[in-house]
Amino acid sequence: GTSGVGFSFGIDRLYDCLEELNLFKENTQTFSQALIVHFDED
């Protein structure tokens, strides 16, 4: 007597669709916001 309702997304299929439609944003591949660049040891 306990009713329920739900749904599910398939991650792998969503990935394939985003790739096929070229909808991935550039920032989805970004891990770091900034890189420190230096000239020497000091």
Full PDB file with SEQRES, HELIX, SHEET, SSBOND, CRYST1, ORIGX, SCALE, CONECT and MASTER records, all heavy atoms in Angstrom:
SEQRES   1 A   42  GLY THR SER GLY VAL GLY PHE SER PHE GLY ILE ASP ARG          
SEQRES   2 A   42  LEU TYR ASP CYS LEU GLU GLU LEU ASN LEU PHE LYS GLU          
SEQRES   3 A   42  ASN THR GLN THR PHE SER GLN ALA LEU ILE VAL HIS PHE          
SEQRES   4 A   42  ASP GLU ASP                                                  
HELIX    1 AA1 ILE A   11  GLU A   20  1                                  10    
HELIX    2 AA2 GLU A   26  GLN A   29  5                                   4    
CRYST1    1.000    1.000    1.000  90.00  90.00  90.00 P 1           1          
ORIGX1      1.000000  0.000000  0.000000        0.00000                         
ORIGX2      0.000000  1.000000  0.000000        0.00000                         
ORIGX3      0.000000  0.000000  1.000000        0.00000                         
SCALE1      1.000000  0.000000  0.000000        0.00000                         
SCALE2      0.000000  1.000000  0.000000        0.00000                         
SCALE3      0.000000  0.000000  1.000000        0.00000                         
ATOM      1  N   GLY A   1       0.776  -1.228   0.000  1.00  0.00           N  
ATOM      2  CA  GLY A   1       0.000   0.000   0.000  1.00  0.00           C  
ATOM      3  C   GLY A   1       0.803   1.270   0.000  1.00  0.00           C  
ATOM      4  O   GLY A   1       0.303   2.324   0.386  1.00  0.00           O  
ATOM      5  N   THR A   2       2.061   1.201  -0.428  1.00  0.00           N  
ATOM      6  CA  THR A   2       2.917   2.390  -0.459  1.00  0.00           C  
ATOM      7  C   THR A   2       3.244   2.736  -1.904  1.00  0.00           C  
ATOM      8  O   THR A   2       4.060   2.080  -2.542  1.00  0.00           O  
ATOM      9  CB  THR A   2       4.216   2.159   0.336  1.00  0.00           C  
ATOM     10  OG1 THR A   2       3.890   1.762   1.666  1.00  0.00           O  
ATOM     11  CG2 THR A   2       5.058   3.415   0.384  1.00  0.00           C  
ATOM     12  N   SER A   3       2.586   3.749  -2.415  1.00  0.00           N  
ATOM     13  CA  SER A   3       2.760   4.118  -3.820  1.00  0.00           C  
ATOM     14  C   SER A   3       4.012   4.967  -4.010  1.00  0.00           C  
ATOM     15  O   SER A   3       4.426   5.696  -3.104  1.00  0.00           O  
ATOM     16  CB  SER A   3       1.541   4.894  -4.315  1.00  0.00           C  
ATOM     17  OG  SER A   3       1.647   5.179  -5.697  1.00  0.00           O  
ATOM     18  N   GLY A   4       4.586   4.864  -5.173  1.00  0.00           N  
ATOM     19  CA  GLY A   4       5.769   5.660  -5.495  1.00  0.00           C  
ATOM     20  C   GLY A   4       5.790   6.031  -6.959  1.00  0.00           C  
ATOM     21  O   GLY A   4       5.084   5.446  -7.787  1.00  0.00           O  
ATOM     22  N   VAL A   5       6.583   7.022  -7.277  1.00  0.00           N  
ATOM     23  CA  VAL A   5       6.754   7.435  -8.678  1.00  0.00           C  
ATOM     24  C   VAL A   5       8.163   7.980  -8.838  1.00  0.00           C  
ATOM     25  O   VAL A   5       8.710   8.591  -7.912  1.00  0.00           O  
ATOM     26  CB  VAL A   5       5.703   8.495  -9.084  1.00  0.00           C  
ATOM     27  CG1 VAL A   5       5.851   9.773  -8.271  1.00  0.00           C  
ATOM     28  CG2 VAL A   5       5.778   8.796 -10.577  1.00  0.00           C  
ATOM     29  N   GLY A   6       8.759   7.715  -9.977  1.00  0.00           N  
ATOM     30  CA  GLY A   6      10.115   8.207 -10.203  1.00  0.00           C  
ATOM     31  C   GLY A   6      10.504   8.130 -11.659  1.00  0.00           C  
ATOM     32  O   GLY A   6       9.753   7.623 -12.505  1.00  0.00           O  
ATOM     33  N   PHE A   7      11.707   8.631 -11.930  1.00  0.00           N  
ATOM     34  CA  PHE A   7      12.217   8.586 -13.297  1.00  0.00           C  
ATOM     35  C   PHE A   7      13.729   8.580 -13.252  1.00  0.00           C  
ATOM     36  O   PHE A   7      14.344   8.768 -12.194  1.00  0.00           O  
ATOM     37  CB  PHE A   7      11.703   9.775 -14.112  1.00  0.00           C  
ATOM     38  CG  PHE A   7      12.386  11.087 -13.806  1.00  0.00           C  
ATOM     39  CD1 PHE A   7      13.188  11.709 -14.753  1.00  0.00           C  
ATOM     40  CD2 PHE A   7      12.227  11.713 -12.568  1.00  0.00           C  
ATOM     41  CE1 PHE A   7      13.821  12.918 -14.479  1.00  0.00           C  
ATOM     42  CE2 PHE A   7      12.843  12.913 -12.292  1.00  0.00           C  
ATOM     43  CZ  PHE A   7      13.645  13.519 -13.247  1.00  0.00           C  
ATOM     44  N   SER A   8      14.332   8.349 -14.389  1.00  0.00           N  
ATOM     45  CA  SER A   8      15.783   8.202 -14.439  1.00  0.00           C  
ATOM     46  C   SER A   8      16.339   8.826 -15.709  1.00  0.00           C  
ATOM     47  O   SER A   8      15.727   8.744 -16.776  1.00  0.00           O  
ATOM     48  CB  SER A   8      16.136   6.709 -14.397  1.00  0.00           C  
ATOM     49  OG  SER A   8      17.521   6.518 -14.548  1.00  0.00           O  
ATOM     50  N   PHE A   9      17.517   9.450 -15.582  1.00  0.00           N  
ATOM     51  CA  PHE A   9      18.302   9.899 -16.736  1.00  0.00           C  
ATOM     52  C   PHE A   9      19.414   8.894 -16.990  1.00  0.00           C  
ATOM     53  O   PHE A   9      20.042   8.399 -16.048  1.00  0.00           O  
ATOM     54  CB  PHE A   9      18.949  11.259 -16.476  1.00  0.00           C  
ATOM     55  CG  PHE A   9      18.005  12.417 -16.441  1.00  0.00           C  
ATOM     56  CD1 PHE A   9      17.723  13.064 -15.244  1.00  0.00           C  
ATOM     57  CD2 PHE A   9      17.398  12.878 -17.594  1.00  0.00           C  
ATOM     58  CE1 PHE A   9      16.858  14.142 -15.192  1.00  0.00           C  
ATOM     59  CE2 PHE A   9      16.517  13.961 -17.559  1.00  0.00           C  
ATOM     60  CZ  PHE A   9      16.254  14.580 -16.362  1.00  0.00           C  
ATOM     61  N   GLY A  10      19.688   8.601 -18.244  1.00  0.00           N  
ATOM     62  CA  GLY A  10      20.835   7.783 -18.610  1.00  0.00           C  
ATOM     63  C   GLY A  10      22.015   8.679 -18.962  1.00  0.00           C  
ATOM     64  O   GLY A  10      22.001   9.368 -19.986  1.00  0.00           O  
ATOM     65  N   ILE A  11      23.023   8.711 -18.093  1.00  0.00           N  
ATOM     66  CA  ILE A  11      24.163   9.610 -18.280  1.00  0.00           C  
ATOM     67  C   ILE A  11      24.873   9.348 -19.601  1.00  0.00           C  
ATOM     68  O   ILE A  11      25.221  10.280 -20.342  1.00  0.00           O  
ATOM     69  CB  ILE A  11      25.164   9.460 -17.114  1.00  0.00           C  
ATOM     70  CG1 ILE A  11      24.517   9.924 -15.804  1.00  0.00           C  
ATOM     71  CG2 ILE A  11      26.440  10.269 -17.376  1.00  0.00           C  
ATOM     72  CD1 ILE A  11      24.097  11.357 -15.816  1.00  0.00           C  
ATOM     73  N   ASP A  12      25.098   8.088 -19.917  1.00  0.00           N  
ATOM     74  CA  ASP A  12      25.876   7.751 -21.110  1.00  0.00           C  
ATOM     75  C   ASP A  12      25.160   8.162 -22.388  1.00  0.00           C  
ATOM     76  O   ASP A  12      25.788   8.632 -23.342  1.00  0.00           O  
ATOM     77  CB  ASP A  12      26.186   6.256 -21.114  1.00  0.00           C  
ATOM     78  CG  ASP A  12      26.945   5.836 -19.859  1.00  0.00           C  
ATOM     79  OD1 ASP A  12      26.291   5.520 -18.856  1.00  0.00           O  
ATOM     80  OD2 ASP A  12      28.187   5.858 -19.881  1.00  0.00           O  
ATOM     81  N   ARG A  13      23.849   7.994 -22.407  1.00  0.00           N  
ATOM     82  CA  ARG A  13      23.090   8.409 -23.594  1.00  0.00           C  
ATOM     83  C   ARG A  13      23.024   9.929 -23.708  1.00  0.00           C  
ATOM     84  O   ARG A  13      23.082  10.481 -24.809  1.00  0.00           O  
ATOM     85  CB  ARG A  13      21.690   7.809 -23.558  1.00  0.00           C  
ATOM     86  CG  ARG A  13      21.683   6.311 -23.857  1.00  0.00           C  
ATOM     87  CD  ARG A  13      20.289   5.795 -24.119  1.00  0.00           C  
ATOM     88  NE  ARG A  13      20.306   4.419 -24.592  1.00  0.00           N  
ATOM     89  CZ  ARG A  13      19.248   3.762 -25.041  1.00  0.00           C  
ATOM     90  NH1 ARG A  13      18.074   4.373 -25.064  1.00  0.00           N  
ATOM     91  NH2 ARG A  13      19.349   2.518 -25.461  1.00  0.00           N  
ATOM     92  N   LEU A  14      22.885  10.615 -22.576  1.00  0.00           N  
ATOM     93  CA  LEU A  14      22.914  12.078 -22.610  1.00  0.00           C  
ATOM     94  C   LEU A  14      24.259  12.570 -23.137  1.00  0.00           C  
ATOM     95  O   LEU A  14      24.321  13.528 -23.924  1.00  0.00           O  
ATOM     96  CB  LEU A  14      22.657  12.646 -21.214  1.00  0.00           C  
ATOM     97  CG  LEU A  14      21.215  12.625 -20.712  1.00  0.00           C  
ATOM     98  CD1 LEU A  14      21.155  13.100 -19.266  1.00  0.00           C  
ATOM     99  CD2 LEU A  14      20.322  13.498 -21.590  1.00  0.00           C  
ATOM    100  N   TYR A  15      25.330  11.914 -22.704  1.00  0.00           N  
ATOM    101  CA  TYR A  15      26.674  12.273 -23.171  1.00  0.00           C  
ATOM    102  C   TYR A  15      26.752  12.144 -24.691  1.00  0.00           C  
ATOM    103  O   TYR A  15      27.226  13.057 -25.384  1.00  0.00           O  
ATOM    104  CB  TYR A  15      27.701  11.348 -22.506  1.00  0.00           C  
ATOM    105  CG  TYR A  15      29.145  11.674 -22.830  1.00  0.00           C  
ATOM    106  CD1 TYR A  15      29.954  12.312 -21.893  1.00  0.00           C  
ATOM    107  CD2 TYR A  15      29.706  11.346 -24.068  1.00  0.00           C  
ATOM    108  CE1 TYR A  15      31.277  12.617 -22.184  1.00  0.00           C  
ATOM    109  CE2 TYR A  15      31.024  11.646 -24.359  1.00  0.00           C  
ATOM    110  CZ  TYR A  15      31.804  12.277 -23.411  1.00  0.00           C  
ATOM    111  OH  TYR A  15      33.118  12.576 -23.698  1.00  0.00           O  
ATOM    112  N   ASP A  16      26.270  11.014 -25.215  1.00  0.00           N  
ATOM    113  CA  ASP A  16      26.319  10.790 -26.665  1.00  0.00           C  
ATOM    114  C   ASP A  16      25.505  11.839 -27.420  1.00  0.00           C  
ATOM    115  O   ASP A  16      25.904  12.304 -28.497  1.00  0.00           O  
ATOM    116  CB  ASP A  16      25.809   9.387 -27.004  1.00  0.00           C  
ATOM    117  CG  ASP A  16      26.768   8.290 -26.553  1.00  0.00           C  
ATOM    118  OD1 ASP A  16      27.947   8.614 -26.282  1.00  0.00           O  
ATOM    119  OD2 ASP A  16      26.346   7.124 -26.472  1.00  0.00           O  
ATOM    120  N   CYS A  17      24.348  12.214 -26.871  1.00  0.00           N  
ATOM    121  CA  CYS A  17      23.509  13.219 -27.530  1.00  0.00           C  
ATOM    122  C   CYS A  17      24.170  14.594 -27.519  1.00  0.00           C  
ATOM    123  O   CYS A  17      24.153  15.312 -28.532  1.00  0.00           O  
ATOM    124  CB  CYS A  17      22.141  13.292 -26.845  1.00  0.00           C  
ATOM    125  SG  CYS A  17      21.097  11.848 -27.115  1.00  0.00           S  
ATOM    126  N   LEU A  18      24.732  14.987 -26.387  1.00  0.00           N  
ATOM    127  CA  LEU A  18      25.427  16.276 -26.302  1.00  0.00           C  
ATOM    128  C   LEU A  18      26.592  16.327 -27.277  1.00  0.00           C  
ATOM    129  O   LEU A  18      26.844  17.358 -27.917  1.00  0.00           O  
ATOM    130  CB  LEU A  18      25.921  16.514 -24.870  1.00  0.00           C  
ATOM    131  CG  LEU A  18      24.862  16.886 -23.839  1.00  0.00           C  
ATOM    132  CD1 LEU A  18      25.406  16.736 -22.431  1.00  0.00           C  
ATOM    133  CD2 LEU A  18      24.366  18.309 -24.063  1.00  0.00           C  
ATOM    134  N   GLU A  19      27.302  15.220 -27.401  1.00  0.00           N  
ATOM    135  CA  GLU A  19      28.444  15.172 -28.311  1.00  0.00           C  
ATOM    136  C   GLU A  19      27.983  15.219 -29.754  1.00  0.00           C  
ATOM    137  O   GLU A  19      28.558  15.940 -30.585  1.00  0.00           O  
ATOM    138  CB  GLU A  19      29.239  13.892 -28.043  1.00  0.00           C  
ATOM    139  CG  GLU A  19      30.611  13.870 -28.701  1.00  0.00           C  
ATOM    140  CD  GLU A  19      31.458  12.720 -28.181  1.00  0.00           C  
ATOM    141  OE1 GLU A  19      30.974  11.571 -28.198  1.00  0.00           O  
ATOM    142  OE2 GLU A  19      32.597  12.975 -27.745  1.00  0.00           O  
ATOM    143  N   GLU A  20      26.917  14.483 -30.065  1.00  0.00           N  
ATOM    144  CA  GLU A  20      26.416  14.456 -31.443  1.00  0.00           C  
ATOM    145  C   GLU A  20      25.897  15.822 -31.875  1.00  0.00           C  
ATOM    146  O   GLU A  20      26.064  16.232 -33.027  1.00  0.00           O  
ATOM    147  CB  GLU A  20      25.295  13.411 -31.552  1.00  0.00           C  
ATOM    148  CG  GLU A  20      24.788  13.196 -32.964  1.00  0.00           C  
ATOM    149  CD  GLU A  20      23.825  12.026 -33.077  1.00  0.00           C  
ATOM    150  OE1 GLU A  20      23.880  11.111 -32.217  1.00  0.00           O  
ATOM    151  OE2 GLU A  20      23.013  12.012 -34.025  1.00  0.00           O  
ATOM    152  N   LEU A  21      25.281  16.555 -30.946  1.00  0.00           N  
ATOM    153  CA  LEU A  21      24.737  17.881 -31.261  1.00  0.00           C  
ATOM    154  C   LEU A  21      25.741  19.006 -30.986  1.00  0.00           C  
ATOM    155  O   LEU A  21      25.408  20.177 -31.143  1.00  0.00           O  
ATOM    156  CB  LEU A  21      23.463  18.126 -30.451  1.00  0.00           C  
ATOM    157  CG  LEU A  21      22.278  17.186 -30.763  1.00  0.00           C  
ATOM    158  CD1 LEU A  21      21.147  17.413 -29.776  1.00  0.00           C  
ATOM    159  CD2 LEU A  21      21.805  17.387 -32.195  1.00  0.00           C  
ATOM    160  N   ASN A  22      26.956  18.628 -30.537  1.00  0.00           N  
ATOM    161  CA  ASN A  22      28.013  19.605 -30.271  1.00  0.00           C  
ATOM    162  C   ASN A  22      27.545  20.666 -29.262  1.00  0.00           C  
ATOM    163  O   ASN A  22      27.736  21.867 -29.457  1.00  0.00           O  
ATOM    164  CB  ASN A  22      28.464  20.286 -31.576  1.00  0.00           C  
ATOM    165  CG  ASN A  22      29.798  20.994 -31.423  1.00  0.00           C  
ATOM    166  OD1 ASN A  22      30.620  20.601 -30.598  1.00  0.00           O  
ATOM    167  ND2 ASN A  22      30.002  22.040 -32.197  1.00  0.00           N  
ATOM    168  N   LEU A  23      26.964  20.193 -28.145  1.00  0.00           N  
ATOM    169  CA  LEU A  23      26.411  21.097 -27.143  1.00  0.00           C  
ATOM    170  C   LEU A  23      27.269  21.221 -25.893  1.00  0.00           C  
ATOM    171  O   LEU A  23      26.911  21.974 -24.973  1.00  0.00           O  
ATOM    172  CB  LEU A  23      25.007  20.626 -26.735  1.00  0.00           C  
ATOM    173  CG  LEU A  23      23.910  20.773 -27.800  1.00  0.00           C  
ATOM    174  CD1 LEU A  23      22.599  20.204 -27.279  1.00  0.00           C  
ATOM    175  CD2 LEU A  23      23.740  22.227 -28.218  1.00  0.00           C  
ATOM    176  N   PHE A  24      28.380  20.514 -25.843  1.00  0.00           N  
ATOM    177  CA  PHE A  24      29.241  20.651 -24.665  1.00  0.00           C  
ATOM    178  C   PHE A  24      29.862  22.039 -24.631  1.00  0.00           C  
ATOM    179  O   PHE A  24      30.405  22.518 -25.634  1.00  0.00           O  
ATOM    180  CB  PHE A  24      30.347  19.595 -24.669  1.00  0.00           C  
ATOM    181  CG  PHE A  24      29.917  18.263 -24.127  1.00  0.00           C  
ATOM    182  CD1 PHE A  24      29.859  17.160 -24.948  1.00  0.00           C  
ATOM    183  CD2 PHE A  24      29.564  18.123 -22.783  1.00  0.00           C  
ATOM    184  CE1 PHE A  24      29.460  15.918 -24.450  1.00  0.00           C  
ATOM    185  CE2 PHE A  24      29.169  16.898 -22.283  1.00  0.00           C  
ATOM    186  CZ  PHE A  24      29.116  15.796 -23.122  1.00  0.00           C  
ATOM    187  N   LYS A  25      29.780  22.682 -23.491  1.00  0.00           N  
ATOM    188  CA  LYS A  25      30.375  24.005 -23.327  1.00  0.00           C  
ATOM    189  C   LYS A  25      31.857  23.857 -23.002  1.00  0.00           C  
ATOM    190  O   LYS A  25      32.276  22.879 -22.404  1.00  0.00           O  
ATOM    191  CB  LYS A  25      29.666  24.774 -22.205  1.00  0.00           C  
ATOM    192  CG  LYS A  25      28.177  24.972 -22.457  1.00  0.00           C  
ATOM    193  CD  LYS A  25      27.505  25.624 -21.254  1.00  0.00           C  
ATOM    194  CE  LYS A  25      26.007  25.761 -21.469  1.00  0.00           C  
ATOM    195  NZ  LYS A  25      25.323  26.333 -20.283  1.00  0.00           N  
ATOM    196  N   GLU A  26      32.625  24.857 -23.389  1.00  0.00           N  
ATOM    197  CA  GLU A  26      34.071  24.794 -23.162  1.00  0.00           C  
ATOM    198  C   GLU A  26      34.393  24.693 -21.679  1.00  0.00           C  
ATOM    199  O   GLU A  26      35.315  23.993 -21.273  1.00  0.00           O  
ATOM    200  CB  GLU A  26      34.759  26.024 -23.760  1.00  0.00           C  
ATOM    201  CG  GLU A  26      34.785  26.019 -25.287  1.00  0.00           C  
ATOM    202  CD  GLU A  26      35.605  27.171 -25.831  1.00  0.00           C  
ATOM    203  OE1 GLU A  26      36.216  27.890 -25.018  1.00  0.00           O  
ATOM    204  OE2 GLU A  26      35.638  27.347 -27.057  1.00  0.00           O  
ATOM    205  N   ASN A  27      33.604  25.371 -20.847  1.00  0.00           N  
ATOM    206  CA  ASN A  27      33.943  25.384 -19.425  1.00  0.00           C  
ATOM    207  C   ASN A  27      33.680  24.054 -18.737  1.00  0.00           C  
ATOM    208  O   ASN A  27      34.040  23.852 -17.594  1.00  0.00           O  
ATOM    209  CB  ASN A  27      33.204  26.509 -18.684  1.00  0.00           C  
ATOM    210  CG  ASN A  27      31.692  26.363 -18.774  1.00  0.00           C  
ATOM    211  OD1 ASN A  27      31.170  25.379 -19.275  1.00  0.00           O  
ATOM    212  ND2 ASN A  27      30.986  27.382 -18.279  1.00  0.00           N  
ATOM    213  N   THR A  28      32.994  23.131 -19.436  1.00  0.00           N  
ATOM    214  CA  THR A  28      32.787  21.812 -18.832  1.00  0.00           C  
ATOM    215  C   THR A  28      34.095  21.042 -18.752  1.00  0.00           C  
ATOM    216  O   THR A  28      34.192  20.055 -18.033  1.00  0.00           O  
ATOM    217  CB  THR A  28      31.775  20.988 -19.645  1.00  0.00           C  
ATOM    218  OG1 THR A  28      32.293  20.750 -20.960  1.00  0.00           O  
ATOM    219  CG2 THR A  28      30.448  21.706 -19.743  1.00  0.00           C  
ATOM    220  N   GLN A  29      35.096  21.470 -19.526  1.00  0.00           N  
ATOM    221  CA  GLN A  29      36.377  20.776 -19.532  1.00  0.00           C  
ATOM    222  C   GLN A  29      37.420  21.509 -18.692  1.00  0.00           C  
ATOM    223  O   GLN A  29      38.589  21.170 -18.710  1.00  0.00           O  
ATOM    224  CB  GLN A  29      36.879  20.645 -20.967  1.00  0.00           C  
ATOM    225  CG  GLN A  29      35.907  19.931 -21.893  1.00  0.00           C  
ATOM    226  CD  GLN A  29      36.323  20.067 -23.341  1.00  0.00           C  
ATOM    227  OE1 GLN A  29      37.489  19.913 -23.679  1.00  0.00           O  
ATOM    228  NE2 GLN A  29      35.374  20.354 -24.206  1.00  0.00           N  
ATOM    229  N   THR A  30      37.007  22.537 -17.961  1.00  0.00           N  
ATOM    230  CA  THR A  30      37.928  23.348 -17.191  1.00  0.00           C  
ATOM    231  C   THR A  30      37.979  22.883 -15.747  1.00  0.00           C  
ATOM    232  O   THR A  30      36.954  22.780 -15.084  1.00  0.00           O  
ATOM    233  CB  THR A  30      37.505  24.830 -17.234  1.00  0.00           C  
ATOM    234  OG1 THR A  30      37.525  25.264 -18.593  1.00  0.00           O  
ATOM    235  CG2 THR A  30      38.454  25.678 -16.417  1.00  0.00           C  
ATOM    236  N   PHE A  31      39.197  22.599 -15.276  1.00  0.00           N  
ATOM    237  CA  PHE A  31      39.364  22.227 -13.878  1.00  0.00           C  
ATOM    238  C   PHE A  31      39.915  23.418 -13.096  1.00  0.00           C  
ATOM    239  O   PHE A  31      39.472  23.698 -11.996  1.00  0.00           O  
ATOM    240  CB  PHE A  31      40.320  21.032 -13.744  1.00  0.00           C  
ATOM    241  CG  PHE A  31      39.744  19.761 -14.301  1.00  0.00           C  
ATOM    242  CD1 PHE A  31      40.029  19.361 -15.591  1.00  0.00           C  
ATOM    243  CD2 PHE A  31      38.909  18.982 -13.529  1.00  0.00           C  
ATOM    244  CE1 PHE A  31      39.495  18.188 -16.093  1.00  0.00           C  
ATOM    245  CE2 PHE A  31      38.367  17.806 -14.027  1.00  0.00           C  
ATOM    246  CZ  PHE A  31      38.657  17.408 -15.320  1.00  0.00           C  
ATOM    247  N   SER A  32      40.875  24.098 -13.653  1.00  0.00           N  
ATOM    248  CA  SER A  32      41.497  25.232 -12.973  1.00  0.00           C  
ATOM    249  C   SER A  32      41.064  26.533 -13.619  1.00  0.00           C  
ATOM    250  O   SER A  32      40.924  26.619 -14.843  1.00  0.00           O  
ATOM    251  CB  SER A  32      43.027  25.123 -13.030  1.00  0.00           C  
ATOM    252  OG  SER A  32      43.466  23.973 -12.345  1.00  0.00           O  
ATOM    253  N   GLN A  33      40.864  27.557 -12.791  1.00  0.00           N  
ATOM    254  CA  GLN A  33      40.526  28.875 -13.304  1.00  0.00           C  
ATOM    255  C   GLN A  33      41.781  29.664 -13.701  1.00  0.00           C  
ATOM    256  O   GLN A  33      41.713  30.522 -14.571  1.00  0.00           O  
ATOM    257  CB  GLN A  33      39.751  29.671 -12.244  1.00  0.00           C  
ATOM    258  CG  GLN A  33      38.373  29.129 -11.949  1.00  0.00           C  
ATOM    259  CD  GLN A  33      37.735  29.878 -10.790  1.00  0.00           C  
ATOM    260  OE1 GLN A  33      37.799  29.446  -9.659  1.00  0.00           O  
ATOM    261  NE2 GLN A  33      37.132  31.029 -11.078  1.00  0.00           N  
ATOM    262  N   ALA A  34      42.889  29.357 -13.020  1.00  0.00           N  
ATOM    263  CA  ALA A  34      44.096  30.145 -13.282  1.00  0.00           C  
ATOM    264  C   ALA A  34      45.349  29.286 -13.139  1.00  0.00           C  
ATOM    265  O   ALA A  34      45.395  28.388 -12.294  1.00  0.00           O  
ATOM    266  CB  ALA A  34      44.170  31.343 -12.329  1.00  0.00           C  
ATOM    267  N   LEU A  35      46.338  29.584 -13.982  1.00  0.00           N  
ATOM    268  CA  LEU A  35      47.648  28.941 -13.897  1.00  0.00           C  
ATOM    269  C   LEU A  35      48.693  30.014 -13.599  1.00  0.00           C  
ATOM    270  O   LEU A  35      48.756  31.040 -14.289  1.00  0.00           O  
ATOM    271  CB  LEU A  35      47.995  28.233 -15.202  1.00  0.00           C  
ATOM    272  CG  LEU A  35      49.426  27.697 -15.301  1.00  0.00           C  
ATOM    273  CD1 LEU A  35      49.595  26.471 -14.397  1.00  0.00           C  
ATOM    274  CD2 LEU A  35      49.806  27.366 -16.742  1.00  0.00           C  
ATOM    275  N   ILE A  36      49.508  29.782 -12.584  1.00  0.00           N  
ATOM    276  CA  ILE A  36      50.596  30.712 -12.274  1.00  0.00           C  
ATOM    277  C   ILE A  36      51.811  30.337 -13.126  1.00  0.00           C  
ATOM    278  O   ILE A  36      52.299  29.200 -13.067  1.00  0.00           O  
ATOM    279  CB  ILE A  36      50.938  30.664 -10.775  1.00  0.00           C  
ATOM    280  CG1 ILE A  36      49.746  31.183  -9.966  1.00  0.00           C  
ATOM    281  CG2 ILE A  36      52.192  31.489 -10.471  1.00  0.00           C  
ATOM    282  CD1 ILE A  36      49.950  31.118  -8.469  1.00  0.00           C  
ATOM    283  N   VAL A  37      52.261  31.310 -13.886  1.00  0.00           N  
ATOM    284  CA  VAL A  37      53.407  31.132 -14.791  1.00  0.00           C  
ATOM    285  C   VAL A  37      54.596  31.898 -14.202  1.00  0.00           C  
ATOM    286  O   VAL A  37      54.447  33.025 -13.717  1.00  0.00           O  
ATOM    287  CB  VAL A  37      53.061  31.666 -16.196  1.00  0.00           C  
ATOM    288  CG1 VAL A  37      54.277  31.592 -17.123  1.00  0.00           C  
ATOM    289  CG2 VAL A  37      51.881  30.871 -16.784  1.00  0.00           C  
ATOM    290  N   HIS A  38      55.806  31.355 -14.250  1.00  0.00           N  
ATOM    291  CA  HIS A  38      56.954  31.971 -13.596  1.00  0.00           C  
ATOM    292  C   HIS A  38      58.198  31.895 -14.498  1.00  0.00           C  
ATOM    293  O   HIS A  38      58.269  31.078 -15.427  1.00  0.00           O  
ATOM    294  CB  HIS A  38      57.223  31.275 -12.262  1.00  0.00           C  
ATOM    295  CG  HIS A  38      57.223  29.768 -12.375  1.00  0.00           C  
ATOM    296  ND1 HIS A  38      58.325  29.050 -12.761  1.00  0.00           N  
ATOM    297  CD2 HIS A  38      56.217  28.870 -12.170  1.00  0.00           C  
ATOM    298  CE1 HIS A  38      58.019  27.760 -12.776  1.00  0.00           C  
ATOM    299  NE2 HIS A  38      56.737  27.628 -12.425  1.00  0.00           N  
ATOM    300  N   PHE A  39      59.200  32.776 -14.193  1.00  0.00           N  
ATOM    301  CA  PHE A  39      60.414  32.861 -15.002  1.00  0.00           C  
ATOM    302  C   PHE A  39      61.559  32.027 -14.443  1.00  0.00           C  
ATOM    303  O   PHE A  39      62.382  31.506 -15.194  1.00  0.00           O  
ATOM    304  CB  PHE A  39      60.868  34.326 -15.108  1.00  0.00           C  
ATOM    305  CG  PHE A  39      60.029  35.142 -16.050  1.00  0.00           C  
ATOM    306  CD1 PHE A  39      58.888  35.792 -15.597  1.00  0.00           C  
ATOM    307  CD2 PHE A  39      60.384  35.261 -17.387  1.00  0.00           C  
ATOM    308  CE1 PHE A  39      58.117  36.547 -16.461  1.00  0.00           C  
ATOM    309  CE2 PHE A  39      59.608  36.022 -18.259  1.00  0.00           C  
ATOM    310  CZ  PHE A  39      58.466  36.661 -17.799  1.00  0.00           C  
ATOM    311  N   ASP A  40      61.651  31.945 -13.120  1.00  0.00           N  
ATOM    312  CA  ASP A  40      62.805  31.280 -12.509  1.00  0.00           C  
ATOM    313  C   ASP A  40      62.401  30.712 -11.152  1.00  0.00           C  
ATOM    314  O   ASP A  40      61.226  30.770 -10.752  1.00  0.00           O  
ATOM    315  CB  ASP A  40      63.971  32.258 -12.369  1.00  0.00           C  
ATOM    316  CG  ASP A  40      63.557  33.559 -11.700  1.00  0.00           C  
ATOM    317  OD1 ASP A  40      62.661  33.506 -10.812  1.00  0.00           O  
ATOM    318  OD2 ASP A  40      64.112  34.615 -12.045  1.00  0.00           O  
ATOM    319  N   GLU A  41      63.376  30.205 -10.427  1.00  0.00           N  
ATOM    320  CA  GLU A  41      63.086  29.559  -9.148  1.00  0.00           C  
ATOM    321  C   GLU A  41      62.555  30.545  -8.118  1.00  0.00           C  
ATOM    322  O   GLU A  41      61.640  30.233  -7.353  1.00  0.00           O  
ATOM    323  CB  GLU A  41      64.353  28.874  -8.608  1.00  0.00           C  
ATOM    324  CG  GLU A  41      64.097  28.032  -7.361  1.00  0.00           C  
ATOM    325  CD  GLU A  41      65.325  27.249  -6.934  1.00  0.00           C  
ATOM    326  OE1 GLU A  41      66.286  27.159  -7.722  1.00  0.00           O  
ATOM    327  OE2 GLU A  41      65.307  26.724  -5.795  1.00  0.00           O  
ATOM    328  N   ASP A  42      63.111  31.787  -8.083  1.00  0.00           N  
ATOM    329  CA  ASP A  42      62.638  32.779  -7.113  1.00  0.00           C  
ATOM    330  C   ASP A  42      61.167  33.143  -7.378  1.00  0.00           C  
ATOM    331  O   ASP A  42      60.370  33.245  -6.440  1.00  0.00           O  
ATOM    332  CB  ASP A  42      63.508  34.037  -7.184  1.00  0.00           C  
ATOM    333  CG  ASP A  42      64.900  33.791  -6.614  1.00  0.00           C  
ATOM    334  OD1 ASP A  42      65.050  32.825  -5.822  1.00  0.00           O  
ATOM    335  OD2 ASP A  42      65.832  34.551  -6.963  1.00  0.00           O  
TER     336      ASP A  42                                                      
MASTER        0    0    0    2    0    0    0    6  335    1    0    4          
END                                                                             
